[in-house]
Amino acid sequence: MTERDPHNTDAMPEGRKGENTSDQLMWRTFREGNRKTFQYIYDQNYGILLRYGLKIIPDQGTVEDHIQELFIYLWKQKANLEIRKSITVYLIWSLRNRLLKFQEKQKVLGSDESLETLEVPEYPQERLSSEELKSAVDSLPGKQREVIYLKYYQNLDGQEIAQIMEITLGTTYNLLSRAIANLRTRLPGLIFLTFYF
C-alpha cells in the first residue's frame, strides 16, 4: 500500500450531487474560523465516522483517537483545505486513509480481515428476520461487507463508494454484485437488495 495524504485535495472525493451548495457554504464558514460551524460538522459526522471506523479497526479507543486527530488537523489546516462537494464523504475518506495507514504501521490484520460485522437494520416489510440477514451479511468477505455498509448505512452512491475505497467504479459494481449474489445464495427470499447507482 502506498502512503497517501488523506488531505491532498487532488485526490479528494467529490461527494454527492445536490449536497454541494449547503456543504460548500458550511465549509467556507468553517474555513473562516467559525467555531459553531466546526462544532456542527463534528456533531453531525462523529457518529457516522465512529461506526465506519469500527468496521476497519474494531478498537473504539483507537478509532476515537483518529477521529479526534482528524478534526484537530482540520481545524489547524482549515485555511488550506478544500472540499469539492460533500463534507461527510470527505471525512469518511480521510478517516479511512488514516486508519488504513495506522493498520499498516501497526502490522495489524489487513482491512479485509479486520472489518467487523455490521449491525443490520430491521426491514419489517421483509419476511427474513434481522438475525438471518445479519448472519448473512456477517458471512460476507470484508470488502463486500464494507461496500454493503457504505451503500445501505451511509446511503452513498457508486462513485462515492469508489472514491472512499479507492477503487474503480467498475470494481465497486463488481463487489456490490458479488455481495448481492452471495446474500441471495444464503437467503433465497431476499428481494430488497436491488442497487441503483
N, C-alpha and C. Protein backbone atom coordinates (compact mmCIF):
# COMPACT_ATOMS: atom_id res chain seq x y z
N MET A 1 0.85 -1.17 0.00
CA MET A 1 0.00 0.00 0.00
C MET A 1 0.89 1.24 0.00
N THR A 2 0.62 2.16 -0.87
CA THR A 2 1.41 3.38 -0.91
C THR A 2 0.87 4.37 0.10
N GLU A 3 1.76 5.24 0.56
CA GLU A 3 1.33 6.25 1.52
C GLU A 3 0.50 7.30 0.80
N ARG A 4 -0.58 7.70 1.44
CA ARG A 4 -1.46 8.72 0.88
C ARG A 4 -1.63 9.82 1.89
N ASP A 5 -1.72 11.02 1.40
CA ASP A 5 -2.07 12.15 2.26
C ASP A 5 -3.58 12.27 2.20
N PRO A 6 -4.27 11.96 3.30
CA PRO A 6 -5.73 11.99 3.25
C PRO A 6 -6.30 13.38 3.05
N HIS A 7 -5.45 14.39 3.04
CA HIS A 7 -5.94 15.75 2.87
C HIS A 7 -5.46 16.36 1.57
N ASN A 8 -4.92 15.55 0.67
CA ASN A 8 -4.48 16.01 -0.63
C ASN A 8 -5.72 16.31 -1.46
N THR A 9 -5.92 17.57 -1.79
CA THR A 9 -7.14 17.95 -2.49
C THR A 9 -7.19 17.43 -3.92
N ASP A 10 -6.05 17.03 -4.49
CA ASP A 10 -6.06 16.49 -5.85
C ASP A 10 -6.75 15.13 -5.90
N ALA A 11 -6.68 14.37 -4.81
CA ALA A 11 -7.26 13.03 -4.79
C ALA A 11 -8.56 12.99 -4.00
N MET A 12 -9.04 14.12 -3.56
CA MET A 12 -10.19 14.19 -2.68
C MET A 12 -11.48 13.78 -3.40
N PRO A 13 -12.33 12.99 -2.72
CA PRO A 13 -13.61 12.62 -3.32
C PRO A 13 -14.48 13.84 -3.56
N GLU A 14 -15.28 13.75 -4.61
CA GLU A 14 -16.14 14.88 -4.95
C GLU A 14 -17.41 14.93 -4.13
N GLY A 15 -17.97 13.81 -3.76
CA GLY A 15 -19.19 13.83 -2.96
C GLY A 15 -20.44 13.71 -3.80
N ARG A 16 -21.56 13.90 -3.16
CA ARG A 16 -22.86 13.70 -3.80
C ARG A 16 -23.32 14.93 -4.57
N LYS A 17 -24.01 14.66 -5.63
CA LYS A 17 -24.64 15.76 -6.37
C LYS A 17 -25.78 16.30 -5.52
N GLY A 18 -25.96 17.60 -5.51
CA GLY A 18 -27.06 18.17 -4.75
C GLY A 18 -26.70 18.60 -3.35
N GLU A 19 -25.62 18.06 -2.79
CA GLU A 19 -25.20 18.45 -1.46
C GLU A 19 -24.25 19.63 -1.52
N ASN A 20 -23.75 19.93 -2.70
CA ASN A 20 -22.65 20.86 -2.81
C ASN A 20 -22.96 22.25 -2.29
N THR A 21 -24.14 22.78 -2.49
CA THR A 21 -24.41 24.15 -2.10
C THR A 21 -24.33 24.33 -0.59
N SER A 22 -25.07 23.57 0.18
CA SER A 22 -25.04 23.74 1.63
C SER A 22 -23.69 23.33 2.20
N ASP A 23 -23.10 22.25 1.71
CA ASP A 23 -21.80 21.84 2.21
C ASP A 23 -20.72 22.86 1.85
N GLN A 24 -20.79 23.41 0.65
CA GLN A 24 -19.81 24.42 0.25
C GLN A 24 -19.90 25.65 1.15
N LEU A 25 -21.12 26.10 1.42
CA LEU A 25 -21.31 27.26 2.29
C LEU A 25 -20.83 26.97 3.71
N MET A 26 -21.17 25.80 4.22
CA MET A 26 -20.75 25.42 5.56
C MET A 26 -19.22 25.34 5.63
N TRP A 27 -18.61 24.73 4.62
CA TRP A 27 -17.16 24.59 4.60
C TRP A 27 -16.47 25.96 4.55
N ARG A 28 -17.04 26.85 3.77
CA ARG A 28 -16.46 28.20 3.68
C ARG A 28 -16.53 28.90 5.04
N THR A 29 -17.68 28.78 5.72
CA THR A 29 -17.83 29.38 7.05
C THR A 29 -16.84 28.77 8.03
N PHE A 30 -16.67 27.46 7.97
CA PHE A 30 -15.70 26.77 8.81
C PHE A 30 -14.29 27.28 8.52
N ARG A 31 -13.95 27.40 7.24
CA ARG A 31 -12.60 27.86 6.87
C ARG A 31 -12.33 29.29 7.35
N GLU A 32 -13.38 30.07 7.53
CA GLU A 32 -13.24 31.43 8.05
C GLU A 32 -13.06 31.45 9.56
N GLY A 33 -13.10 30.26 10.20
CA GLY A 33 -12.84 30.17 11.63
C GLY A 33 -14.06 30.15 12.52
N ASN A 34 -15.23 29.90 11.97
CA ASN A 34 -16.44 29.86 12.76
C ASN A 34 -16.48 28.57 13.58
N ARG A 35 -16.34 28.71 14.90
CA ARG A 35 -16.29 27.54 15.80
C ARG A 35 -17.63 26.81 15.88
N LYS A 36 -18.73 27.55 15.77
CA LYS A 36 -20.05 26.90 15.81
C LYS A 36 -20.23 25.99 14.59
N THR A 37 -19.79 26.43 13.45
CA THR A 37 -19.87 25.61 12.25
C THR A 37 -18.98 24.37 12.39
N PHE A 38 -17.79 24.57 12.92
CA PHE A 38 -16.88 23.45 13.15
C PHE A 38 -17.52 22.44 14.10
N GLN A 39 -18.12 22.92 15.19
CA GLN A 39 -18.79 22.04 16.14
C GLN A 39 -19.95 21.31 15.49
N TYR A 40 -20.70 22.00 14.63
CA TYR A 40 -21.82 21.39 13.92
C TYR A 40 -21.31 20.26 13.01
N ILE A 41 -20.25 20.52 12.26
CA ILE A 41 -19.68 19.49 11.38
C ILE A 41 -19.25 18.29 12.20
N TYR A 42 -18.61 18.56 13.33
CA TYR A 42 -18.16 17.48 14.23
C TYR A 42 -19.37 16.69 14.74
N ASP A 43 -20.36 17.39 15.28
CA ASP A 43 -21.54 16.72 15.84
C ASP A 43 -22.29 15.90 14.80
N GLN A 44 -22.43 16.42 13.58
CA GLN A 44 -23.16 15.73 12.53
C GLN A 44 -22.44 14.49 12.01
N ASN A 45 -21.13 14.47 12.12
CA ASN A 45 -20.36 13.39 11.49
C ASN A 45 -19.67 12.44 12.45
N TYR A 46 -19.59 12.77 13.73
CA TYR A 46 -18.84 11.94 14.67
C TYR A 46 -19.38 10.51 14.71
N GLY A 47 -20.69 10.35 14.88
CA GLY A 47 -21.27 9.01 14.97
C GLY A 47 -21.06 8.20 13.69
N ILE A 48 -21.22 8.85 12.56
CA ILE A 48 -21.01 8.18 11.26
C ILE A 48 -19.56 7.71 11.17
N LEU A 49 -18.63 8.58 11.54
CA LEU A 49 -17.21 8.24 11.46
C LEU A 49 -16.85 7.13 12.44
N LEU A 50 -17.39 7.18 13.64
CA LEU A 50 -17.10 6.14 14.63
C LEU A 50 -17.60 4.78 14.15
N ARG A 51 -18.84 4.73 13.69
CA ARG A 51 -19.38 3.45 13.21
C ARG A 51 -18.57 2.92 12.03
N TYR A 52 -18.24 3.80 11.10
CA TYR A 52 -17.46 3.37 9.95
C TYR A 52 -16.06 2.92 10.38
N GLY A 53 -15.41 3.71 11.23
CA GLY A 53 -14.06 3.38 11.68
C GLY A 53 -13.99 2.03 12.38
N LEU A 54 -15.02 1.71 13.14
CA LEU A 54 -15.05 0.42 13.85
C LEU A 54 -15.16 -0.76 12.89
N LYS A 55 -15.58 -0.51 11.66
CA LYS A 55 -15.61 -1.58 10.66
C LYS A 55 -14.20 -1.88 10.17
N ILE A 56 -13.31 -0.91 10.29
CA ILE A 56 -11.94 -1.09 9.84
C ILE A 56 -11.05 -1.55 10.98
N ILE A 57 -11.14 -0.87 12.11
CA ILE A 57 -10.37 -1.24 13.31
C ILE A 57 -11.35 -1.42 14.45
N PRO A 58 -11.50 -2.64 14.94
CA PRO A 58 -12.52 -2.90 15.97
C PRO A 58 -12.07 -2.49 17.37
N ASP A 59 -11.45 -1.35 17.50
CA ASP A 59 -10.99 -0.83 18.78
C ASP A 59 -11.49 0.59 18.92
N GLN A 60 -12.51 0.78 19.75
CA GLN A 60 -13.17 2.08 19.83
C GLN A 60 -12.20 3.19 20.24
N GLY A 61 -11.31 2.93 21.19
CA GLY A 61 -10.36 3.95 21.62
C GLY A 61 -9.47 4.42 20.48
N THR A 62 -8.98 3.47 19.69
CA THR A 62 -8.11 3.82 18.56
C THR A 62 -8.87 4.64 17.53
N VAL A 63 -10.09 4.22 17.22
CA VAL A 63 -10.89 4.94 16.23
C VAL A 63 -11.21 6.34 16.74
N GLU A 64 -11.61 6.45 18.00
CA GLU A 64 -11.91 7.77 18.57
C GLU A 64 -10.69 8.69 18.51
N ASP A 65 -9.51 8.13 18.82
CA ASP A 65 -8.27 8.92 18.75
C ASP A 65 -8.04 9.45 17.34
N HIS A 66 -8.25 8.60 16.35
CA HIS A 66 -8.03 9.02 14.97
C HIS A 66 -9.06 10.05 14.51
N ILE A 67 -10.28 9.93 15.00
CA ILE A 67 -11.30 10.93 14.67
C ILE A 67 -10.89 12.27 15.28
N GLN A 68 -10.46 12.24 16.53
CA GLN A 68 -10.02 13.47 17.19
C GLN A 68 -8.84 14.10 16.44
N GLU A 69 -7.88 13.27 16.07
CA GLU A 69 -6.72 13.77 15.33
C GLU A 69 -7.14 14.37 13.98
N LEU A 70 -8.11 13.74 13.34
CA LEU A 70 -8.62 14.26 12.07
C LEU A 70 -9.21 15.65 12.26
N PHE A 71 -10.04 15.82 13.29
CA PHE A 71 -10.67 17.12 13.50
C PHE A 71 -9.66 18.18 13.97
N ILE A 72 -8.66 17.77 14.72
CA ILE A 72 -7.60 18.71 15.10
C ILE A 72 -6.87 19.17 13.85
N TYR A 73 -6.55 18.22 13.00
CA TYR A 73 -5.88 18.56 11.74
C TYR A 73 -6.75 19.51 10.91
N LEU A 74 -8.05 19.22 10.84
CA LEU A 74 -8.95 20.08 10.07
C LEU A 74 -8.93 21.51 10.60
N TRP A 75 -8.99 21.65 11.92
CA TRP A 75 -9.02 22.99 12.49
C TRP A 75 -7.71 23.73 12.21
N LYS A 76 -6.59 23.03 12.40
CA LYS A 76 -5.29 23.68 12.19
C LYS A 76 -5.06 24.04 10.73
N GLN A 77 -5.56 23.23 9.81
CA GLN A 77 -5.30 23.41 8.39
C GLN A 77 -6.48 23.98 7.62
N LYS A 78 -7.48 24.49 8.36
CA LYS A 78 -8.74 24.89 7.72
C LYS A 78 -8.56 25.86 6.55
N ALA A 79 -7.61 26.74 6.65
CA ALA A 79 -7.42 27.73 5.58
C ALA A 79 -6.90 27.09 4.30
N ASN A 80 -6.29 25.91 4.40
CA ASN A 80 -5.67 25.26 3.25
C ASN A 80 -6.50 24.12 2.67
N LEU A 81 -7.60 23.78 3.30
CA LEU A 81 -8.38 22.61 2.88
C LEU A 81 -9.57 23.01 2.03
N GLU A 82 -9.76 22.28 0.97
CA GLU A 82 -10.91 22.47 0.09
C GLU A 82 -11.66 21.16 -0.03
N ILE A 83 -12.96 21.24 -0.11
CA ILE A 83 -13.74 20.06 -0.48
C ILE A 83 -14.46 20.42 -1.77
N ARG A 84 -14.78 19.42 -2.53
CA ARG A 84 -15.48 19.69 -3.78
C ARG A 84 -16.98 19.72 -3.57
N LYS A 85 -17.49 18.81 -2.74
CA LYS A 85 -18.94 18.77 -2.55
C LYS A 85 -19.32 18.34 -1.14
N SER A 86 -19.25 17.06 -0.81
CA SER A 86 -19.80 16.53 0.44
C SER A 86 -18.77 16.49 1.56
N ILE A 87 -19.09 17.14 2.66
CA ILE A 87 -18.23 17.11 3.84
C ILE A 87 -18.15 15.69 4.40
N THR A 88 -19.29 15.01 4.49
CA THR A 88 -19.32 13.66 5.06
C THR A 88 -18.47 12.69 4.25
N VAL A 89 -18.59 12.72 2.93
CA VAL A 89 -17.78 11.83 2.10
C VAL A 89 -16.29 12.13 2.29
N TYR A 90 -15.95 13.40 2.34
CA TYR A 90 -14.55 13.78 2.57
C TYR A 90 -14.05 13.25 3.92
N LEU A 91 -14.86 13.39 4.97
CA LEU A 91 -14.44 12.93 6.30
C LEU A 91 -14.30 11.42 6.37
N ILE A 92 -15.24 10.69 5.78
CA ILE A 92 -15.14 9.22 5.75
C ILE A 92 -13.87 8.81 5.01
N TRP A 93 -13.65 9.42 3.87
CA TRP A 93 -12.47 9.12 3.06
C TRP A 93 -11.18 9.41 3.83
N SER A 94 -11.13 10.55 4.50
CA SER A 94 -9.95 10.93 5.28
C SER A 94 -9.71 9.97 6.43
N LEU A 95 -10.78 9.63 7.16
CA LEU A 95 -10.63 8.70 8.28
C LEU A 95 -10.20 7.33 7.78
N ARG A 96 -10.79 6.87 6.71
CA ARG A 96 -10.41 5.56 6.17
C ARG A 96 -8.92 5.52 5.84
N ASN A 97 -8.41 6.56 5.18
CA ASN A 97 -6.99 6.60 4.85
C ASN A 97 -6.12 6.61 6.09
N ARG A 98 -6.52 7.36 7.10
CA ARG A 98 -5.76 7.41 8.35
C ARG A 98 -5.72 6.04 9.02
N LEU A 99 -6.88 5.38 9.08
CA LEU A 99 -6.95 4.08 9.75
C LEU A 99 -6.18 3.01 8.99
N LEU A 100 -6.27 3.02 7.67
CA LEU A 100 -5.52 2.03 6.89
C LEU A 100 -4.02 2.26 7.03
N LYS A 101 -3.61 3.50 7.06
CA LYS A 101 -2.19 3.83 7.27
C LYS A 101 -1.75 3.37 8.66
N PHE A 102 -2.59 3.59 9.67
CA PHE A 102 -2.29 3.15 11.03
C PHE A 102 -2.17 1.62 11.07
N GLN A 103 -3.09 0.93 10.42
CA GLN A 103 -3.03 -0.53 10.37
C GLN A 103 -1.73 -1.01 9.76
N GLU A 104 -1.36 -0.38 8.68
CA GLU A 104 -0.13 -0.77 8.00
C GLU A 104 1.07 -0.59 8.93
N LYS A 105 1.12 0.52 9.65
CA LYS A 105 2.23 0.78 10.58
C LYS A 105 2.23 -0.21 11.73
N GLN A 106 1.07 -0.57 12.20
CA GLN A 106 0.96 -1.47 13.35
C GLN A 106 1.02 -2.94 12.94
N LYS A 107 1.06 -3.19 11.64
CA LYS A 107 1.06 -4.55 11.12
C LYS A 107 -0.10 -5.37 11.70
N VAL A 108 -1.25 -4.69 11.76
CA VAL A 108 -2.48 -5.32 12.20
C VAL A 108 -3.05 -6.05 11.00
N LEU A 109 -4.05 -6.85 11.18
CA LEU A 109 -4.71 -7.54 10.07
C LEU A 109 -5.10 -6.55 9.00
N GLY A 110 -5.08 -6.97 7.72
CA GLY A 110 -5.48 -6.10 6.63
C GLY A 110 -6.94 -5.74 6.72
N SER A 111 -7.34 -4.75 5.96
CA SER A 111 -8.71 -4.24 6.06
C SER A 111 -9.76 -5.30 5.74
N ASP A 112 -9.45 -6.28 4.87
CA ASP A 112 -10.44 -7.32 4.57
C ASP A 112 -10.78 -8.13 5.79
N GLU A 113 -9.73 -8.55 6.54
CA GLU A 113 -9.97 -9.43 7.67
C GLU A 113 -10.45 -8.68 8.90
N SER A 114 -10.16 -7.39 9.02
CA SER A 114 -10.48 -6.69 10.25
C SER A 114 -11.82 -5.98 10.22
N LEU A 115 -12.49 -5.97 9.09
CA LEU A 115 -13.81 -5.34 9.07
C LEU A 115 -14.73 -6.13 9.99
N GLU A 116 -15.26 -5.47 10.97
CA GLU A 116 -16.13 -6.12 11.93
C GLU A 116 -17.49 -6.37 11.30
N THR A 117 -18.29 -7.13 12.00
CA THR A 117 -19.62 -7.43 11.49
C THR A 117 -20.49 -6.19 11.55
N LEU A 118 -21.43 -6.13 10.67
CA LEU A 118 -22.34 -4.99 10.60
C LEU A 118 -23.59 -5.27 11.42
N GLU A 119 -24.11 -4.23 12.02
CA GLU A 119 -25.42 -4.34 12.63
C GLU A 119 -26.43 -4.09 11.52
N VAL A 120 -27.28 -5.04 11.30
CA VAL A 120 -28.21 -4.96 10.17
C VAL A 120 -29.50 -4.30 10.62
N PRO A 121 -29.95 -3.28 9.89
CA PRO A 121 -31.21 -2.65 10.26
C PRO A 121 -32.37 -3.60 10.02
N GLU A 122 -33.43 -3.37 10.72
CA GLU A 122 -34.60 -4.21 10.53
C GLU A 122 -35.39 -3.72 9.33
N TYR A 123 -35.86 -4.65 8.53
CA TYR A 123 -36.68 -4.34 7.38
C TYR A 123 -38.01 -5.05 7.60
N PRO A 124 -38.97 -4.39 8.26
CA PRO A 124 -40.21 -5.06 8.62
C PRO A 124 -40.99 -5.57 7.41
N GLN A 125 -40.78 -4.97 6.26
CA GLN A 125 -41.53 -5.40 5.08
C GLN A 125 -41.01 -6.73 4.54
N GLU A 126 -39.87 -7.16 5.01
CA GLU A 126 -39.29 -8.41 4.53
C GLU A 126 -39.71 -9.57 5.43
N ARG A 127 -39.70 -10.75 4.87
CA ARG A 127 -40.06 -11.94 5.64
C ARG A 127 -38.87 -12.52 6.39
N LEU A 128 -37.69 -12.05 6.10
CA LEU A 128 -36.50 -12.54 6.79
C LEU A 128 -36.37 -11.87 8.14
N SER A 129 -35.86 -12.61 9.10
CA SER A 129 -35.60 -11.97 10.39
C SER A 129 -34.32 -11.16 10.28
N SER A 130 -34.19 -10.16 11.12
CA SER A 130 -32.98 -9.34 11.09
C SER A 130 -31.76 -10.19 11.47
N GLU A 131 -31.97 -11.22 12.30
CA GLU A 131 -30.86 -12.10 12.67
C GLU A 131 -30.36 -12.91 11.47
N GLU A 132 -31.28 -13.38 10.63
CA GLU A 132 -30.88 -14.10 9.42
C GLU A 132 -30.08 -13.20 8.49
N LEU A 133 -30.58 -11.99 8.33
CA LEU A 133 -29.90 -11.04 7.47
C LEU A 133 -28.54 -10.66 8.04
N LYS A 134 -28.48 -10.40 9.33
CA LYS A 134 -27.22 -10.04 9.98
C LYS A 134 -26.20 -11.16 9.82
N SER A 135 -26.64 -12.38 10.01
CA SER A 135 -25.74 -13.53 9.86
C SER A 135 -25.22 -13.64 8.43
N ALA A 136 -26.09 -13.42 7.47
CA ALA A 136 -25.68 -13.48 6.06
C ALA A 136 -24.68 -12.37 5.73
N VAL A 137 -24.94 -11.16 6.19
CA VAL A 137 -24.02 -10.05 5.93
C VAL A 137 -22.69 -10.30 6.62
N ASP A 138 -22.74 -10.81 7.86
CA ASP A 138 -21.51 -11.10 8.60
C ASP A 138 -20.64 -12.13 7.90
N SER A 139 -21.26 -13.00 7.13
CA SER A 139 -20.51 -14.07 6.46
C SER A 139 -19.84 -13.60 5.17
N LEU A 140 -20.13 -12.37 4.74
CA LEU A 140 -19.50 -11.84 3.52
C LEU A 140 -18.03 -11.52 3.75
N PRO A 141 -17.22 -11.62 2.70
CA PRO A 141 -15.83 -11.16 2.82
C PRO A 141 -15.79 -9.67 3.16
N GLY A 142 -14.70 -9.23 3.76
CA GLY A 142 -14.56 -7.88 4.30
C GLY A 142 -14.93 -6.75 3.36
N LYS A 143 -14.41 -6.77 2.14
CA LYS A 143 -14.70 -5.66 1.23
C LYS A 143 -16.16 -5.67 0.79
N GLN A 144 -16.76 -6.84 0.70
CA GLN A 144 -18.18 -6.91 0.38
C GLN A 144 -19.01 -6.36 1.52
N ARG A 145 -18.63 -6.67 2.78
CA ARG A 145 -19.32 -6.08 3.93
C ARG A 145 -19.18 -4.56 3.91
N GLU A 146 -17.96 -4.08 3.58
CA GLU A 146 -17.72 -2.64 3.57
C GLU A 146 -18.59 -1.95 2.51
N VAL A 147 -18.68 -2.53 1.32
CA VAL A 147 -19.47 -1.91 0.27
C VAL A 147 -20.95 -1.91 0.63
N ILE A 148 -21.44 -2.96 1.28
CA ILE A 148 -22.83 -3.00 1.74
C ILE A 148 -23.05 -1.92 2.80
N TYR A 149 -22.09 -1.77 3.72
CA TYR A 149 -22.20 -0.75 4.76
C TYR A 149 -22.28 0.65 4.14
N LEU A 150 -21.39 0.94 3.23
CA LEU A 150 -21.37 2.27 2.62
C LEU A 150 -22.64 2.54 1.82
N LYS A 151 -23.14 1.52 1.12
CA LYS A 151 -24.33 1.69 0.30
C LYS A 151 -25.59 1.83 1.15
N TYR A 152 -25.78 0.92 2.10
CA TYR A 152 -27.04 0.88 2.84
C TYR A 152 -27.04 1.68 4.13
N TYR A 153 -25.92 1.80 4.79
CA TYR A 153 -25.90 2.50 6.07
C TYR A 153 -25.53 3.96 5.92
N GLN A 154 -24.74 4.27 4.91
CA GLN A 154 -24.36 5.66 4.67
C GLN A 154 -25.07 6.23 3.44
N ASN A 155 -25.82 5.41 2.73
CA ASN A 155 -26.58 5.83 1.55
C ASN A 155 -25.71 6.53 0.51
N LEU A 156 -24.53 6.00 0.29
CA LEU A 156 -23.63 6.58 -0.69
C LEU A 156 -23.88 5.96 -2.06
N ASP A 157 -23.57 6.71 -3.11
CA ASP A 157 -23.73 6.15 -4.45
C ASP A 157 -22.44 5.46 -4.87
N GLY A 158 -22.47 4.84 -6.03
CA GLY A 158 -21.32 4.06 -6.50
C GLY A 158 -20.04 4.86 -6.62
N GLN A 159 -20.15 6.08 -7.14
CA GLN A 159 -18.96 6.92 -7.31
C GLN A 159 -18.35 7.27 -5.95
N GLU A 160 -19.18 7.60 -4.98
CA GLU A 160 -18.69 7.94 -3.64
C GLU A 160 -18.02 6.74 -2.98
N ILE A 161 -18.62 5.57 -3.14
CA ILE A 161 -18.04 4.35 -2.57
C ILE A 161 -16.68 4.09 -3.22
N ALA A 162 -16.62 4.22 -4.53
CA ALA A 162 -15.34 4.01 -5.24
C ALA A 162 -14.28 4.97 -4.74
N GLN A 163 -14.65 6.23 -4.52
CA GLN A 163 -13.68 7.21 -4.04
C GLN A 163 -13.20 6.89 -2.64
N ILE A 164 -14.12 6.53 -1.75
CA ILE A 164 -13.74 6.22 -0.38
C ILE A 164 -12.85 4.98 -0.32
N MET A 165 -13.22 3.93 -1.06
CA MET A 165 -12.46 2.68 -1.01
C MET A 165 -11.24 2.72 -1.92
N GLU A 166 -11.13 3.80 -2.70
CA GLU A 166 -10.03 3.98 -3.63
C GLU A 166 -9.92 2.82 -4.62
N ILE A 167 -11.08 2.54 -5.22
CA ILE A 167 -11.17 1.52 -6.26
C ILE A 167 -11.93 2.14 -7.43
N THR A 168 -11.92 1.45 -8.54
CA THR A 168 -12.64 1.98 -9.70
C THR A 168 -14.14 1.78 -9.52
N LEU A 169 -14.90 2.52 -10.29
CA LEU A 169 -16.35 2.38 -10.25
C LEU A 169 -16.74 0.96 -10.68
N GLY A 170 -16.06 0.43 -11.68
CA GLY A 170 -16.33 -0.94 -12.12
C GLY A 170 -16.09 -1.96 -11.02
N THR A 171 -15.02 -1.79 -10.27
CA THR A 171 -14.73 -2.69 -9.15
C THR A 171 -15.81 -2.56 -8.08
N THR A 172 -16.29 -1.35 -7.87
CA THR A 172 -17.37 -1.13 -6.91
C THR A 172 -18.61 -1.92 -7.33
N TYR A 173 -18.98 -1.80 -8.61
CA TYR A 173 -20.14 -2.55 -9.11
C TYR A 173 -19.92 -4.05 -8.95
N ASN A 174 -18.72 -4.52 -9.25
CA ASN A 174 -18.43 -5.95 -9.12
C ASN A 174 -18.55 -6.41 -7.68
N LEU A 175 -17.98 -5.65 -6.74
CA LEU A 175 -18.08 -6.01 -5.32
C LEU A 175 -19.54 -6.06 -4.88
N LEU A 176 -20.30 -5.06 -5.28
CA LEU A 176 -21.70 -5.00 -4.92
C LEU A 176 -22.47 -6.16 -5.53
N SER A 177 -22.20 -6.48 -6.78
CA SER A 177 -22.86 -7.61 -7.44
C SER A 177 -22.53 -8.92 -6.74
N ARG A 178 -21.25 -9.11 -6.40
CA ARG A 178 -20.85 -10.34 -5.70
C ARG A 178 -21.50 -10.41 -4.33
N ALA A 179 -21.55 -9.28 -3.63
CA ALA A 179 -22.18 -9.25 -2.30
C ALA A 179 -23.66 -9.63 -2.41
N ILE A 180 -24.35 -9.06 -3.39
CA ILE A 180 -25.76 -9.37 -3.59
C ILE A 180 -25.94 -10.84 -3.94
N ALA A 181 -25.12 -11.33 -4.84
CA ALA A 181 -25.21 -12.75 -5.23
C ALA A 181 -24.97 -13.65 -4.03
N ASN A 182 -23.97 -13.32 -3.22
CA ASN A 182 -23.68 -14.11 -2.02
C ASN A 182 -24.85 -14.08 -1.05
N LEU A 183 -25.44 -12.90 -0.85
CA LEU A 183 -26.58 -12.80 0.07
C LEU A 183 -27.79 -13.55 -0.48
N ARG A 184 -28.01 -13.47 -1.77
CA ARG A 184 -29.16 -14.17 -2.35
C ARG A 184 -28.98 -15.68 -2.29
N THR A 185 -27.75 -16.15 -2.41
CA THR A 185 -27.47 -17.58 -2.28
C THR A 185 -27.77 -18.05 -0.86
N ARG A 186 -27.36 -17.25 0.11
CA ARG A 186 -27.58 -17.60 1.51
C ARG A 186 -29.04 -17.40 1.93
N LEU A 187 -29.70 -16.44 1.30
CA LEU A 187 -31.08 -16.10 1.67
C LEU A 187 -31.93 -16.01 0.41
N PRO A 188 -32.46 -17.14 -0.07
CA PRO A 188 -33.20 -17.15 -1.33
C PRO A 188 -34.39 -16.19 -1.36
N GLY A 189 -34.98 -15.86 -0.22
CA GLY A 189 -36.13 -14.97 -0.20
C GLY A 189 -35.75 -13.49 -0.20
N LEU A 190 -34.49 -13.20 -0.34
CA LEU A 190 -34.01 -11.82 -0.27
C LEU A 190 -34.37 -11.07 -1.54
N ILE A 191 -35.22 -10.07 -1.40
CA ILE A 191 -35.68 -9.31 -2.55
C ILE A 191 -35.21 -7.86 -2.50
N PHE A 192 -35.04 -7.30 -1.30
CA PHE A 192 -34.83 -5.86 -1.18
C PHE A 192 -33.49 -5.38 -1.68
N LEU A 193 -32.53 -6.26 -1.89
CA LEU A 193 -31.20 -5.80 -2.30
C LEU A 193 -31.14 -5.56 -3.79
N THR A 194 -31.64 -4.45 -4.22
CA THR A 194 -31.53 -4.02 -5.61
C THR A 194 -30.80 -2.70 -5.59
N PHE A 195 -29.73 -2.61 -6.34
CA PHE A 195 -28.90 -1.43 -6.30
C PHE A 195 -29.09 -0.60 -7.55
N TYR A 196 -29.29 0.68 -7.34
CA TYR A 196 -29.33 1.63 -8.43
C TYR A 196 -28.31 2.69 -8.13
N PHE A 197 -27.44 2.95 -9.07
CA PHE A 197 -26.41 3.97 -8.84
C PHE A 197 -26.83 5.21 -9.55
